[in-house]
Amino acid sequence: MLSVRVFFEKKNGAKFISHLDLNRAVMRILVRTGLPVVYSQGFNPHIKVVFALPLSIYQESTCEVFDFKLNEDIPKDVVAEALAKAMPDDLHFISCEDPVYKLGDVSKAEYEIKVYTKATKDEVEKLFCGDIVVLRKTKTREFEDKINDRIFSLEVFDDSNISIKLKCVLRASNSEYLNPQYLVNHISEYYDVYDQEIKRTKLMCENGEEFR
């Protein structure tokens, strides 16, 4: 079996679909390609698709990744052409490659965040100088969580008189994943936030190398 790693963008209208819906959409895309994809065994077989790191709803990304397998050894350019034709604009195909790292090796993620607020660059920078404590909610409880150790870098930029931009690298391993939404929530504790745009721009391994 031939393993294929696909890189694509999730943008515009696609940011409104859940990860479960994205999984279904990718399965339908693979069916449309006509490629000899590998299915699971059992009573209800389905295409085996695995994603690197599920993206939260309402967030965009230029670096989404999924893996699947083929029953035949087909040239990558043929696979790429089939995928490019089958994938819609909002799930824009970038490339397909042989996997280099394991999916579980994703450890960090880079984000660009646009926050619509009257708060200034200096005011927002001060919010992230000390301890950053956010309220986290699970299915069973609410608790305060200090997240400084999951923020590897964070820069604040002027954008306009109604918005500022953050560029940050956050922990992205499954056990310690930090949703960038918490950074926006932290700002909204002190200043009015009218809207936000969150975009994931890079996935990285623990050593900082780009995930491939």
Protein backbone atom coordinates (compact mmCIF):
# COMPACT_ATOMS: atom_id res chain seq x y z
CA MET A 1 0.00 0.00 0.00
CA LEU A 2 1.19 3.51 -0.82
CA SER A 3 0.88 6.20 1.87
CA VAL A 4 -0.01 9.71 0.66
CA ARG A 5 0.18 12.92 2.68
CA VAL A 6 -1.97 15.79 1.42
CA PHE A 7 -1.45 19.46 2.26
CA PHE A 8 -4.36 21.84 1.73
CA GLU A 9 -5.92 25.11 2.87
CA LYS A 10 -9.15 25.43 4.81
CA LYS A 11 -10.52 28.92 4.22
CA ASN A 12 -13.54 31.14 3.56
CA GLY A 13 -16.79 29.16 3.92
CA ALA A 14 -14.95 25.99 4.97
CA LYS A 15 -14.10 27.54 8.33
CA PHE A 16 -17.76 27.13 9.31
CA ILE A 17 -17.75 23.32 9.02
CA SER A 18 -16.82 21.07 11.92
CA HIS A 19 -13.97 18.58 11.85
CA LEU A 20 -16.48 15.73 11.51
CA ASP A 21 -18.00 17.39 8.44
CA LEU A 22 -14.52 18.01 7.04
CA ASN A 23 -13.73 14.31 7.44
CA ARG A 24 -16.88 13.41 5.49
CA ALA A 25 -16.08 15.98 2.81
CA VAL A 26 -12.57 14.60 2.31
CA MET A 27 -13.95 11.07 1.96
CA ARG A 28 -16.33 12.28 -0.76
CA ILE A 29 -13.43 14.10 -2.45
CA LEU A 30 -11.36 10.91 -2.51
CA VAL A 31 -14.28 9.00 -4.04
CA ARG A 32 -14.56 11.65 -6.79
CA THR A 33 -10.87 11.30 -7.65
CA GLY A 34 -11.41 7.71 -8.78
CA LEU A 35 -8.14 6.73 -7.12
CA PRO A 36 -7.81 3.17 -5.71
CA VAL A 37 -8.02 4.24 -2.06
CA VAL A 38 -7.83 1.82 0.85
CA TYR A 39 -11.05 1.17 2.80
CA SER A 40 -11.49 -0.16 6.31
CA GLN A 41 -12.67 -3.69 6.87
CA GLY A 42 -15.92 -4.77 8.49
CA PHE A 43 -19.68 -4.33 8.14
CA ASN A 44 -19.54 -0.63 7.25
CA PRO A 45 -16.31 -0.01 5.30
CA HIS A 46 -15.12 3.56 4.82
CA ILE A 47 -12.05 5.27 3.42
CA LYS A 48 -9.20 5.43 5.91
CA VAL A 49 -8.36 9.12 6.39
CA VAL A 50 -6.33 10.53 9.28
CA PHE A 51 -5.76 14.25 9.99
CA ALA A 52 -2.65 15.72 11.59
CA LEU A 53 -4.33 18.13 14.01
CA PRO A 54 -8.07 18.92 13.93
CA LEU A 55 -8.79 22.62 13.47
CA SER A 56 -11.43 24.33 15.58
CA ILE A 57 -14.54 25.61 13.85
CA TYR A 58 -14.42 29.28 12.71
CA GLN A 59 -10.65 29.07 12.21
CA GLU A 60 -8.83 29.08 8.87
CA SER A 61 -5.58 27.38 7.95
CA THR A 62 -2.97 27.41 5.19
CA CYS A 63 -1.34 24.17 6.42
CA GLU A 64 -3.96 21.44 6.87
CA VAL A 65 -2.83 17.83 6.49
CA PHE A 66 -4.44 14.44 6.02
CA ASP A 67 -3.06 10.98 5.19
CA PHE A 68 -4.64 8.18 3.18
CA LYS A 69 -3.45 5.03 1.45
CA LEU A 70 -3.65 3.68 -2.10
CA ASN A 71 -3.86 0.03 -3.13
CA GLU A 72 -1.62 0.71 -6.13
CA ASP A 73 1.69 2.50 -6.65
CA ILE A 74 0.57 5.55 -8.62
CA PRO A 75 2.88 8.46 -9.56
CA LYS A 76 2.49 11.45 -7.23
CA ASP A 77 1.82 13.81 -10.12
CA VAL A 78 -1.17 11.72 -11.18
CA VAL A 79 -2.50 11.70 -7.59
CA ALA A 80 -1.92 15.45 -7.30
CA GLU A 81 -3.81 16.19 -10.51
CA ALA A 82 -6.79 14.07 -9.40
CA LEU A 83 -6.92 15.75 -6.00
CA ALA A 84 -6.56 19.28 -7.42
CA LYS A 85 -9.55 18.68 -9.71
CA ALA A 86 -11.71 17.13 -6.97
CA MET A 87 -11.07 19.57 -4.11
CA PRO A 88 -13.21 22.75 -3.92
CA ASP A 89 -11.73 26.25 -3.68
CA ASP A 90 -12.42 26.55 0.06
CA LEU A 91 -10.44 23.34 0.62
CA HIS A 92 -7.69 24.36 -1.74
CA PHE A 93 -5.20 21.61 -2.67
CA ILE A 94 -1.53 22.52 -2.17
CA SER A 95 0.49 19.33 -2.66
CA CYS A 96 0.79 15.62 -1.93
CA GLU A 97 4.00 14.04 -0.72
CA ASP A 98 5.47 10.96 0.91
CA PRO A 99 5.13 11.26 4.70
CA VAL A 100 8.33 12.35 6.45
CA TYR A 101 7.18 12.54 10.09
CA LYS A 102 4.49 10.68 11.96
CA LEU A 103 1.23 12.58 12.42
CA GLY A 104 1.78 12.44 16.18
CA ASP A 105 5.04 14.38 15.76
CA VAL A 106 3.12 17.65 15.39
CA SER A 107 4.10 19.55 18.53
CA LYS A 108 3.79 23.28 17.77
CA ALA A 109 1.62 25.47 15.57
CA GLU A 110 2.01 29.02 14.29
CA TYR A 111 -1.00 31.35 14.10
CA GLU A 112 -1.93 34.79 12.84
CA ILE A 113 -4.79 36.33 14.81
CA LYS A 114 -6.64 39.52 13.95
CA VAL A 115 -8.56 40.95 16.90
CA TYR A 116 -11.09 43.74 16.38
CA THR A 117 -10.78 45.92 19.46
CA LYS A 118 -10.13 49.51 20.48
CA ALA A 119 -7.26 48.32 22.69
CA THR A 120 -3.85 49.53 21.53
CA LYS A 121 -0.77 47.48 20.69
CA ASP A 122 0.92 48.58 23.93
CA GLU A 123 -2.13 47.72 26.04
CA VAL A 124 -2.38 44.22 24.56
CA GLU A 125 1.35 43.60 24.94
CA LYS A 126 1.09 44.40 28.66
CA LEU A 127 -1.66 41.75 29.03
CA PHE A 128 0.79 39.07 27.93
CA CYS A 129 3.78 40.21 30.02
CA GLY A 130 2.88 38.50 33.27
CA ASP A 131 0.99 35.34 34.19
CA ILE A 132 -1.65 34.47 31.60
CA VAL A 133 -4.53 32.73 33.34
CA VAL A 134 -7.62 31.71 31.38
CA LEU A 135 -10.88 30.00 32.26
CA ARG A 136 -11.06 26.57 30.66
CA LYS A 137 -14.18 24.45 30.38
CA THR A 138 -14.49 20.70 29.93
CA LYS A 139 -17.55 18.49 29.88
CA THR A 140 -17.27 17.98 33.61
CA ARG A 141 -15.76 21.14 35.11
CA GLU A 142 -14.47 24.69 34.81
CA PHE A 143 -11.03 25.70 36.06
CA GLU A 144 -8.42 28.44 35.81
CA ASP A 145 -5.35 27.48 33.81
CA LYS A 146 -2.00 29.25 33.54
CA ILE A 147 -0.92 28.89 29.90
CA ASN A 148 2.45 30.68 29.75
CA ASP A 149 4.41 27.45 29.29
CA ARG A 150 2.40 26.62 26.13
CA ILE A 151 3.19 29.92 24.42
CA PHE A 152 6.61 29.73 22.70
CA SER A 153 6.46 33.15 21.07
CA LEU A 154 3.95 35.99 20.79
CA GLU A 155 4.23 39.29 18.93
CA VAL A 156 1.66 42.07 18.75
CA PHE A 157 1.35 44.39 15.73
CA ASP A 158 -0.68 47.48 14.92
CA ASP A 159 -3.27 46.79 12.24
CA SER A 160 -5.77 49.67 12.19
CA ASN A 161 -7.60 51.93 14.62
CA ILE A 162 -10.09 49.11 15.26
CA SER A 163 -7.85 46.02 15.23
CA ILE A 164 -4.49 44.57 16.23
CA LYS A 165 -2.69 41.43 15.03
CA LEU A 166 -1.00 38.66 16.98
CA LYS A 167 1.58 36.28 15.58
CA CYS A 168 2.30 33.37 17.89
CA VAL A 169 3.63 29.82 18.21
CA LEU A 170 1.64 27.63 20.60
CA ARG A 171 1.81 24.09 21.95
CA ALA A 172 -0.06 21.75 19.59
CA SER A 173 0.55 18.22 20.88
CA ASN A 174 -2.64 16.35 21.67
CA SER A 175 -2.03 16.20 25.42
CA GLU A 176 -1.15 19.90 25.84
CA TYR A 177 -2.89 21.53 22.86
CA LEU A 178 -3.51 25.25 23.37
CA ASN A 179 -6.36 26.66 21.30
CA PRO A 180 -5.47 30.20 20.11
CA GLN A 181 -9.00 31.21 21.04
CA TYR A 182 -7.77 31.45 24.63
CA LEU A 183 -5.49 34.34 23.68
CA VAL A 184 -8.48 36.24 22.31
CA ASN A 185 -10.46 35.34 25.42
CA HIS A 186 -7.67 36.75 27.57
CA ILE A 187 -7.86 40.09 25.75
CA SER A 188 -11.65 40.15 26.05
CA GLU A 189 -11.35 39.89 29.84
CA TYR A 190 -9.95 43.43 29.87
CA TYR A 191 -11.09 45.09 26.62
CA ASP A 192 -14.10 44.86 24.32
CA VAL A 193 -13.50 42.46 21.42
CA TYR A 194 -15.93 42.88 18.54
CA ASP A 195 -14.71 40.13 16.22
CA GLN A 196 -11.71 37.94 15.44
CA GLU A 197 -9.99 36.08 12.62
CA ILE A 198 -7.74 33.14 13.47
CA LYS A 199 -5.54 31.50 10.87
CA ARG A 200 -3.09 28.63 11.38
CA THR A 201 -0.03 29.16 9.18
CA LYS A 202 2.41 26.40 10.08
CA LEU A 203 2.65 23.03 11.82
CA MET A 204 5.97 22.14 13.45
CA CYS A 205 7.76 19.32 15.22
CA GLU A 206 9.28 19.72 18.69
CA ASN A 207 12.64 20.79 17.22
CA GLY A 208 10.94 23.64 15.32
CA GLU A 209 11.21 22.03 11.88
CA GLU A 210 8.17 22.41 9.64
CA PHE A 211 5.99 19.29 9.65
CA ARG A 212 6.20 17.34 6.40
